[in-house]
Structures are given as C-alpha cells and as structure tokens.
C-alpha cells in the first residue's frame, strides 16, 4: 500500500514518529544521569524542555494562523474571539480559586494532548476507508492516552501537570484501576491482533500509523504509569508532543506551500529560514516564560521586585491567554486539514 507520509519517511520518522522511542531509550540508558540532571541542573531542563519545546510549540501555531496574510481577515471572529474568550474564561475560573483555575486548565491541556495524537492518527489513516479497522485504531489511540490519565487520577504521582493537587478532587471517585487496566490490556491485544491480520491476510502495513500509535502507547504508559519521576514525565510528555507539532507546522504551513501562497513567509522556506523559524518561536516562548518567572513563579529567574498576590487574579489569566488560545484554536484550525502531499 502507499505509505501516507506527511513529508517523507526520513522527516516523519525523525521528527514525528521516533521522538518517544529515542527519548525512552535515553531514559533507560541514562537513568542515573537523568536523576543528576533533575537535582543539579533543573534550570537547563526547564529551559530546554519547557521553554524551548513546550512553550515554543504553542507559538508555532502563529505560522498557521496570525502570521498568514488574509487568514485573520477570512476568519476574523475566530481569531480575535478566541483570545478574548480565553481571557474571560481564565478570569472567571480564577475567581473560584487558584486550584480550580489550574485544575480546569490541566484538564483542557490533557484533552488537547489526547486530541493531537488522534489527529496525527487520522492524517496517517487518510488513505484508508472508514471501516472496522479504523475504529479499532481510534479505540487504541484513546486507550493509549486516557488509561494513563485515569491511572494518574487515582494513584499518587511524583509529578504534576501544572500545580500540586490539581487532580485531587478526582481521587474521591471509586477505585477503578483494576477495571481500566484489564480494559486497557484487552484493547491493546485487539489492536495488535488487528495489525497481524492486516499484515498477513490483507497484505497491508501502514508504517507511520502503526508507529504513531505504538509511540503513543510508549510515551504515555512509561511517562505516567511505569516511571514515577518528574523529569522523565516531562521529557517524554513534552518532547513527544511538542517536536511533532512544530514539525507538522513547518512541513504543512511552510515547506509544502508555494511561494505565492506564503508571500512574505516564503523567506522561512530556505535553509536559513528553518533556523529563523525556530528562532522566532523560541524568542516568543522565552519572552512569555520570562514574564511568568519574574511576575509569578520566581523559580528559575527573578528580578528585584515582586507583584502582590492580590494582582494574580488579573495577571495569571492574562498570561495564560496564549496557551489557552492555542488549546482552543486547535479545535478549529485542523478540522479540515486539506490534502497532504
């Protein structure tokens, strides 16, 4: 069968499909060194994983939305309405308390992460008919992501999504871990059997789709369930989510478009343009995190002034607007992705 690469086997492999596998390999080979990194070099792990990958991937969306000439004018209500809605929603949530605010944001973020994996799976299955096989793939991708999160809700973990106790209220639910573990194993076995049948009976082998689903199982299970370590979770979670998203943006919105479509953005299509693209999103990411650090967290960077916590109810909802806008916009801008070369 025709392999449905987004760009090519090499590009898709290195930047979309392989990140969870090589990250996990690094974790298994260098567990002792990773513990040292976590304890002695937290600034650098924060800088490279949180700022230069996680936050940077948020700003890569600009190259599909606000940086595209005519796109904002074409969908003016969407592109101006979502940031306003994000600010109003964040401001309203914070009135119920900081923990409620971060808990809801964490659930929205989890949903966003899950839907990204589903979206990649749909792209790689775009040449396949809507039949029972695709339904099993969908079930597998949701099982691979939802089970670890449900496990996290009921089991003490040494890491957080945003803040401590953000999922504490979910621990009051009846213990369902045994049931979901059995269900998880059943779904995984059904999916594996389905792949075997496709290979040997139907002579079909969708390499990128299978690798994508396997990578999702690997990154979510080992990052959340198997290991109980903050840096390991961040490493697997952030790299497996952020790098593929940035790669998809560059491939789809710059590399695969003609110069007349890109207009001023055509400059980013050159070899130097790739580094400029990375530099732009890193600059935005660092500026945002710099504001968070000096105004709110003060964990890695600080200046000689402090902001009264009375202002946090206005400041934090404002600072969260880019991230929440990214979460909400993603539900619209990828809905009809169009043809992938």
Protein backbone atom coordinates (compact mmCIF):
# COMPACT_ATOMS: atom_id res chain seq x y z
CA UNK A 1 0.00 0.00 0.00
CA UNK A 2 1.01 3.62 -0.48
CA UNK A 3 2.61 4.86 2.73
CA UNK A 4 0.86 8.08 3.83
CA UNK A 5 3.89 10.11 4.87
CA UNK A 6 3.25 13.77 5.66
CA UNK A 7 6.61 14.76 4.15
CA UNK A 8 8.87 11.73 3.75
CA UNK A 9 9.85 8.60 5.64
CA UNK A 10 13.03 10.27 6.89
CA UNK A 11 11.46 13.54 8.02
CA UNK A 12 8.37 11.95 9.53
CA UNK A 13 10.50 9.35 11.25
CA UNK A 14 12.94 11.69 12.92
CA UNK A 15 10.58 14.50 13.89
CA UNK A 16 7.10 12.97 14.29
CA UNK A 17 7.27 9.22 14.87
CA UNK A 18 10.58 8.46 16.59
CA UNK A 19 10.77 11.09 19.38
CA UNK A 20 9.00 8.94 22.03
CA UNK A 21 11.20 5.95 21.18
CA UNK A 22 14.56 7.70 21.32
CA UNK A 23 13.55 9.60 24.44
CA UNK A 24 12.62 6.32 26.13
CA UNK A 25 15.93 4.80 25.01
CA UNK A 26 17.81 7.72 26.56
CA UNK A 27 15.82 7.30 29.78
CA UNK A 28 16.66 3.59 30.07
CA UNK A 29 20.33 4.09 29.21
CA UNK A 30 20.98 7.12 31.39
CA UNK A 31 18.67 6.83 34.40
CA UNK A 32 21.42 7.78 36.86
CA UNK A 33 22.44 10.82 34.83
CA UNK A 34 18.81 11.88 34.50
CA UNK A 35 18.45 11.89 38.29
CA UNK A 36 21.53 14.10 38.46
CA UNK A 37 20.08 16.43 35.84
CA UNK A 38 16.86 16.70 37.83
CA UNK A 39 18.63 17.59 41.08
CA UNK A 40 21.55 19.74 39.88
CA UNK A 41 20.59 21.20 36.52
CA UNK A 42 16.90 21.99 36.87
CA UNK A 43 17.34 25.39 35.21
CA UNK A 44 18.62 23.82 32.00
CA UNK A 45 15.97 21.10 31.89
CA UNK A 46 13.34 23.81 32.39
CA UNK A 47 14.90 25.98 29.68
CA UNK A 48 15.18 23.29 27.02
CA UNK A 49 12.11 21.17 27.74
CA UNK A 50 9.55 23.67 28.99
CA UNK A 51 10.61 26.89 27.25
CA UNK A 52 12.26 25.71 24.03
CA UNK A 53 9.90 22.81 23.31
CA UNK A 54 6.62 23.01 25.21
CA UNK A 55 6.01 26.75 25.12
CA UNK A 56 7.68 27.12 21.72
CA UNK A 57 5.25 24.67 20.11
CA UNK A 58 2.40 26.93 21.26
CA UNK A 59 3.84 29.82 19.24
CA UNK A 60 4.50 27.70 16.16
CA UNK A 61 0.71 27.93 15.64
CA UNK A 62 1.28 31.56 14.60
CA UNK A 63 2.61 30.30 11.26
CA UNK A 64 -0.74 28.67 10.55
CA UNK A 65 -2.91 31.49 11.86
CA UNK A 66 -1.94 35.06 12.73
CA UNK A 67 1.17 35.23 10.52
CA UNK A 68 -0.72 34.09 7.39
CA UNK A 69 -1.84 37.04 5.28
CA UNK A 70 -5.58 37.01 4.79
CA UNK A 71 -6.22 34.22 7.29
CA UNK A 72 -7.24 36.54 10.13
CA UNK A 73 -9.43 38.61 7.79
CA UNK A 74 -11.07 35.42 6.49
CA UNK A 75 -11.95 34.18 10.00
CA UNK A 76 -11.91 37.41 11.95
CA UNK A 77 -14.42 36.33 14.62
CA UNK A 78 -12.49 33.14 15.33
CA UNK A 79 -9.02 34.66 15.56
CA UNK A 80 -9.99 37.67 17.64
CA UNK A 81 -12.80 36.00 19.53
CA UNK A 82 -10.81 33.03 20.87
CA UNK A 83 -8.18 35.14 22.71
CA UNK A 84 -10.93 37.30 24.21
CA UNK A 85 -12.90 34.20 25.19
CA UNK A 86 -9.74 32.69 26.66
CA UNK A 87 -9.13 35.73 28.82
CA UNK A 88 -12.76 35.89 30.00
CA UNK A 89 -12.79 32.15 30.73
CA UNK A 90 -9.48 32.32 32.61
CA UNK A 91 -10.55 35.39 34.55
CA UNK A 92 -13.82 33.73 35.54
CA UNK A 93 -12.17 30.48 36.57
CA UNK A 94 -9.66 32.26 38.79
CA UNK A 95 -12.49 33.79 40.80
CA UNK A 96 -13.22 30.26 42.09
CA UNK A 97 -9.69 29.98 43.39
CA UNK A 98 -6.23 29.20 42.10
CA UNK A 99 -6.64 25.42 42.44
CA UNK A 100 -9.90 25.37 40.46
CA UNK A 101 -8.26 27.51 37.79
CA UNK A 102 -5.25 25.21 37.36
CA UNK A 103 -7.33 22.05 37.62
CA UNK A 104 -9.60 23.09 34.76
CA UNK A 105 -6.61 24.26 32.71
CA UNK A 106 -4.92 20.91 33.30
CA UNK A 107 -7.98 19.00 32.05
CA UNK A 108 -8.17 21.22 28.95
CA UNK A 109 -4.45 20.62 28.34
CA UNK A 110 -4.89 16.85 28.72
CA UNK A 111 -7.74 16.90 26.21
CA UNK A 112 -5.56 18.91 23.81
CA UNK A 113 -2.70 16.40 24.11
CA UNK A 114 -5.04 13.46 23.53
CA UNK A 115 -6.66 15.05 20.50
CA UNK A 116 -3.28 15.80 18.94
CA UNK A 117 -2.44 12.10 18.93
CA UNK A 118 -5.85 11.33 17.45
CA UNK A 119 -5.29 14.00 14.80
CA UNK A 120 -1.94 12.55 13.75
CA UNK A 121 -3.52 9.10 13.59
CA UNK A 122 -6.25 10.43 11.28
CA UNK A 123 -3.67 12.05 8.99
CA UNK A 124 -1.78 8.79 8.66
CA UNK A 125 -5.03 6.91 8.03
CA UNK A 126 -6.29 9.37 5.42
CA UNK A 127 -5.99 6.89 2.53
CA UNK A 128 -7.89 4.17 4.39
CA UNK A 129 -11.66 3.55 4.25
CA UNK A 130 -13.87 4.25 7.25
CA UNK A 131 -14.34 0.68 8.42
CA UNK A 132 -13.89 -1.52 11.48
CA UNK A 133 -10.11 -1.31 11.18
CA UNK A 134 -10.10 2.46 11.59
CA UNK A 135 -12.50 2.18 14.54
CA UNK A 136 -10.03 -0.11 16.32
CA UNK A 137 -7.21 2.36 15.64
CA UNK A 138 -9.30 5.13 17.17
CA UNK A 139 -10.08 2.97 20.18
CA UNK A 140 -6.38 2.19 20.55
CA UNK A 141 -5.25 5.82 20.43
CA UNK A 142 -7.81 6.80 23.06
CA UNK A 143 -6.91 3.80 25.21
CA UNK A 144 -3.20 4.68 24.97
CA UNK A 145 -3.86 8.19 26.28
CA UNK A 146 -6.91 8.01 28.54
CA UNK A 147 -5.85 4.97 30.59
CA UNK A 148 -2.61 6.59 31.89
CA UNK A 149 -4.51 9.72 32.87
CA UNK A 150 -7.22 7.75 34.71
CA UNK A 151 -4.44 5.82 36.43
CA UNK A 152 -2.82 9.13 37.43
CA UNK A 153 -6.08 10.42 38.90
CA UNK A 154 -6.26 7.51 41.35
CA UNK A 155 -2.57 6.80 42.02
CA UNK A 156 -0.05 9.10 43.79
CA UNK A 157 2.40 10.51 41.23
CA UNK A 158 5.64 12.43 41.83
CA UNK A 159 4.81 14.99 39.14
CA UNK A 160 2.13 17.49 38.24
CA UNK A 161 0.71 18.92 35.05
CA UNK A 162 0.66 22.47 36.39
CA UNK A 163 0.43 22.61 40.20
CA UNK A 164 0.20 20.35 43.22
CA UNK A 165 -3.18 18.70 43.97
CA UNK A 166 -4.66 19.72 40.61
CA UNK A 167 -6.38 16.31 40.27
CA UNK A 168 -7.04 15.79 43.98
CA UNK A 169 -10.81 16.10 43.63
CA UNK A 170 -10.82 13.14 41.22
CA UNK A 171 -9.30 10.87 43.87
CA UNK A 172 -12.71 10.81 45.59
CA UNK A 173 -14.07 8.62 42.79
CA UNK A 174 -14.41 4.87 43.49
CA UNK A 175 -11.27 2.85 42.76
CA UNK A 176 -11.48 1.78 39.12
CA UNK A 177 -7.81 0.97 38.46
CA UNK A 178 -8.27 -2.80 38.13
CA UNK A 179 -11.15 -2.44 35.68
CA UNK A 180 -9.38 0.09 33.43
CA UNK A 181 -6.15 -1.95 33.49
CA UNK A 182 -8.00 -5.02 32.22
CA UNK A 183 -9.80 -2.93 29.59
CA UNK A 184 -6.51 -1.32 28.53
CA UNK A 185 -4.87 -4.73 28.02
CA UNK A 186 -7.85 -6.03 26.04
CA UNK A 187 -7.84 -3.03 23.69
CA UNK A 188 -4.08 -3.30 23.19
CA UNK A 189 -4.33 -7.02 22.40
CA UNK A 190 -7.21 -6.47 19.96
CA UNK A 191 -5.20 -3.77 18.19
CA UNK A 192 -2.09 -6.00 17.95
CA UNK A 193 -4.17 -8.88 16.54
CA UNK A 194 -5.73 -6.49 14.05
CA UNK A 195 -2.29 -5.38 12.85
CA UNK A 196 -1.16 -9.00 12.47
CA UNK A 197 -4.26 -9.83 10.42
CA UNK A 198 -3.73 -6.83 8.16
CA UNK A 199 -0.10 -7.79 7.54
CA UNK A 200 -0.54 -11.49 6.85
CA UNK A 201 -4.06 -11.70 5.39
CA UNK A 202 -4.73 -8.34 3.75
CA UNK A 203 -1.07 -7.56 2.89
CA UNK A 204 -1.44 -4.06 4.31
CA UNK A 205 1.11 -2.36 6.51
CA UNK A 206 0.63 1.33 7.30
CA UNK A 207 4.06 2.04 8.77
CA UNK A 208 3.59 5.62 10.03
CA UNK A 209 0.15 4.98 11.54
CA UNK A 210 1.35 1.90 13.41
CA UNK A 211 4.48 3.73 14.60
CA UNK A 212 2.36 6.69 15.73
CA UNK A 213 0.02 4.52 17.81
CA UNK A 214 2.91 2.49 19.24
CA UNK A 215 4.73 5.70 20.14
CA UNK A 216 1.64 6.99 21.88
CA UNK A 217 1.37 3.83 23.96
CA UNK A 218 5.07 4.04 24.81
CA UNK A 219 5.25 7.72 25.77
CA UNK A 220 2.05 7.84 27.82
CA UNK A 221 2.50 4.50 29.61
CA UNK A 222 6.16 4.87 30.53
CA UNK A 223 5.88 8.61 31.18
CA UNK A 224 2.90 8.36 33.54
CA UNK A 225 2.38 4.77 34.72
CA UNK A 226 5.69 2.89 34.64
CA UNK A 227 8.02 5.66 35.83
CA UNK A 228 7.05 7.91 38.71
CA UNK A 229 9.54 10.70 38.08
CA UNK A 230 9.00 14.36 37.31
CA UNK A 231 11.80 14.79 34.77
CA UNK A 232 11.01 11.52 32.99
CA UNK A 233 7.36 12.53 32.69
CA UNK A 234 8.31 15.97 31.39
CA UNK A 235 10.90 14.58 28.98
CA UNK A 236 8.51 12.04 27.40
CA UNK A 237 5.42 14.22 27.59
CA UNK A 238 6.92 17.42 26.21
CA UNK A 239 9.20 16.02 23.50
CA UNK A 240 6.60 13.54 22.19
CA UNK A 241 4.01 16.32 21.95
CA UNK A 242 5.97 19.47 21.08
CA UNK A 243 8.51 18.30 18.48
CA UNK A 244 5.94 16.56 16.20
CA UNK A 245 3.64 19.58 16.38
CA UNK A 246 6.41 22.03 15.43
CA UNK A 247 7.50 19.70 12.62
CA UNK A 248 3.92 19.44 11.31
CA UNK A 249 3.54 23.22 11.29
CA UNK A 250 6.76 23.75 9.37
CA UNK A 251 6.08 20.94 6.88
CA UNK A 252 2.44 21.79 6.20
CA UNK A 253 2.42 25.55 6.51
CA UNK A 254 5.82 26.48 5.05
CA UNK A 255 7.67 23.64 3.31
CA UNK A 256 4.73 22.29 1.30
CA UNK A 257 3.32 25.65 0.23
CA UNK A 258 4.26 27.60 -2.88
CA UNK A 259 5.99 30.98 -2.56
CA UNK A 260 2.93 32.83 -3.85
CA UNK A 261 0.87 31.24 -1.06
CA UNK A 262 3.45 32.08 1.60
CA UNK A 263 4.15 35.61 0.33
CA UNK A 264 6.34 37.25 3.00
CA UNK A 265 6.64 33.93 4.86
CA UNK A 266 8.42 32.43 1.82
CA UNK A 267 11.68 33.59 3.42
CA UNK A 268 11.23 30.84 6.02
CA UNK A 269 11.36 28.20 3.28
CA UNK A 270 15.12 28.45 2.80
CA UNK A 271 17.74 26.55 4.79
CA UNK A 272 18.40 29.68 6.82
CA UNK A 273 14.65 30.13 7.12
CA UNK A 274 14.34 26.90 9.12
CA UNK A 275 16.65 28.34 11.77
CA UNK A 276 14.83 31.66 11.62
CA UNK A 277 11.51 29.83 12.13
CA UNK A 278 12.95 28.10 15.19
CA UNK A 279 14.45 31.35 16.42
CA UNK A 280 11.12 33.19 16.17
CA UNK A 281 9.15 30.62 18.18
CA UNK A 282 11.95 30.33 20.76
CA UNK A 283 12.01 34.12 21.20
CA UNK A 284 8.25 34.24 21.81
CA UNK A 285 8.49 31.29 24.19
CA UNK A 286 11.33 32.77 26.21
CA UNK A 287 9.60 36.13 26.49
CA UNK A 288 6.40 34.53 27.81
CA UNK A 289 8.23 32.33 30.31
CA UNK A 290 10.36 35.27 31.39
CA UNK A 291 7.15 37.10 32.34
CA UNK A 292 5.81 34.04 34.19
CA UNK A 293 9.07 33.66 36.09
CA UNK A 294 9.66 37.26 37.16
CA UNK A 295 5.99 38.04 37.86
CA UNK A 296 4.58 34.78 39.24
CA UNK A 297 6.74 31.67 39.75
CA UNK A 298 10.20 33.10 40.58
CA UNK A 299 11.70 29.59 40.46
CA UNK A 300 14.36 29.96 37.75
CA UNK A 301 14.54 33.70 37.07
CA UNK A 302 13.76 36.69 39.24
CA UNK A 303 14.23 40.45 39.39
CA UNK A 304 14.39 42.79 42.36
CA UNK A 305 10.68 43.40 42.60
CA UNK A 306 7.59 41.42 43.46
CA UNK A 307 3.98 41.58 42.40
CA UNK A 308 1.34 41.48 45.09
CA UNK A 309 -0.65 38.24 45.03
CA UNK A 310 -3.78 40.38 45.01
CA UNK A 311 -2.97 41.10 41.38
CA UNK A 312 -2.63 37.41 40.47
CA UNK A 313 -6.36 37.13 39.79
CA UNK A 314 -5.86 39.52 36.85
CA UNK A 315 -2.24 38.78 35.92
CA UNK A 316 -2.36 34.99 35.67
CA UNK A 317 -5.50 34.89 33.46
CA UNK A 318 -3.78 37.39 31.16
CA UNK A 319 -0.54 35.41 30.98
CA UNK A 320 -2.40 32.17 30.24
CA UNK A 321 -4.16 33.63 27.17
CA UNK A 322 -1.56 32.45 24.57
CA UNK A 323 -1.60 28.89 25.88
CA UNK A 324 -5.37 28.67 26.26
CA UNK A 325 -5.82 30.26 22.83
CA UNK A 326 -3.57 27.55 21.38
CA UNK A 327 -5.67 24.82 23.03
CA UNK A 328 -8.96 26.25 21.81
CA UNK A 329 -7.83 27.25 18.31
CA UNK A 330 -6.50 23.78 17.65
CA UNK A 331 -10.06 22.50 17.71
CA UNK A 332 -10.82 24.65 14.65
CA UNK A 333 -7.69 25.10 12.53
CA UNK A 334 -7.09 21.36 12.00
CA UNK A 335 -10.72 20.41 11.45
CA UNK A 336 -10.37 20.41 7.66
CA UNK A 337 -6.65 19.98 7.13
CA UNK A 338 -6.84 19.54 3.39
CA UNK A 339 -4.58 17.46 1.21
CA UNK A 340 -1.15 16.45 2.45
CA UNK A 341 1.47 15.95 -0.21
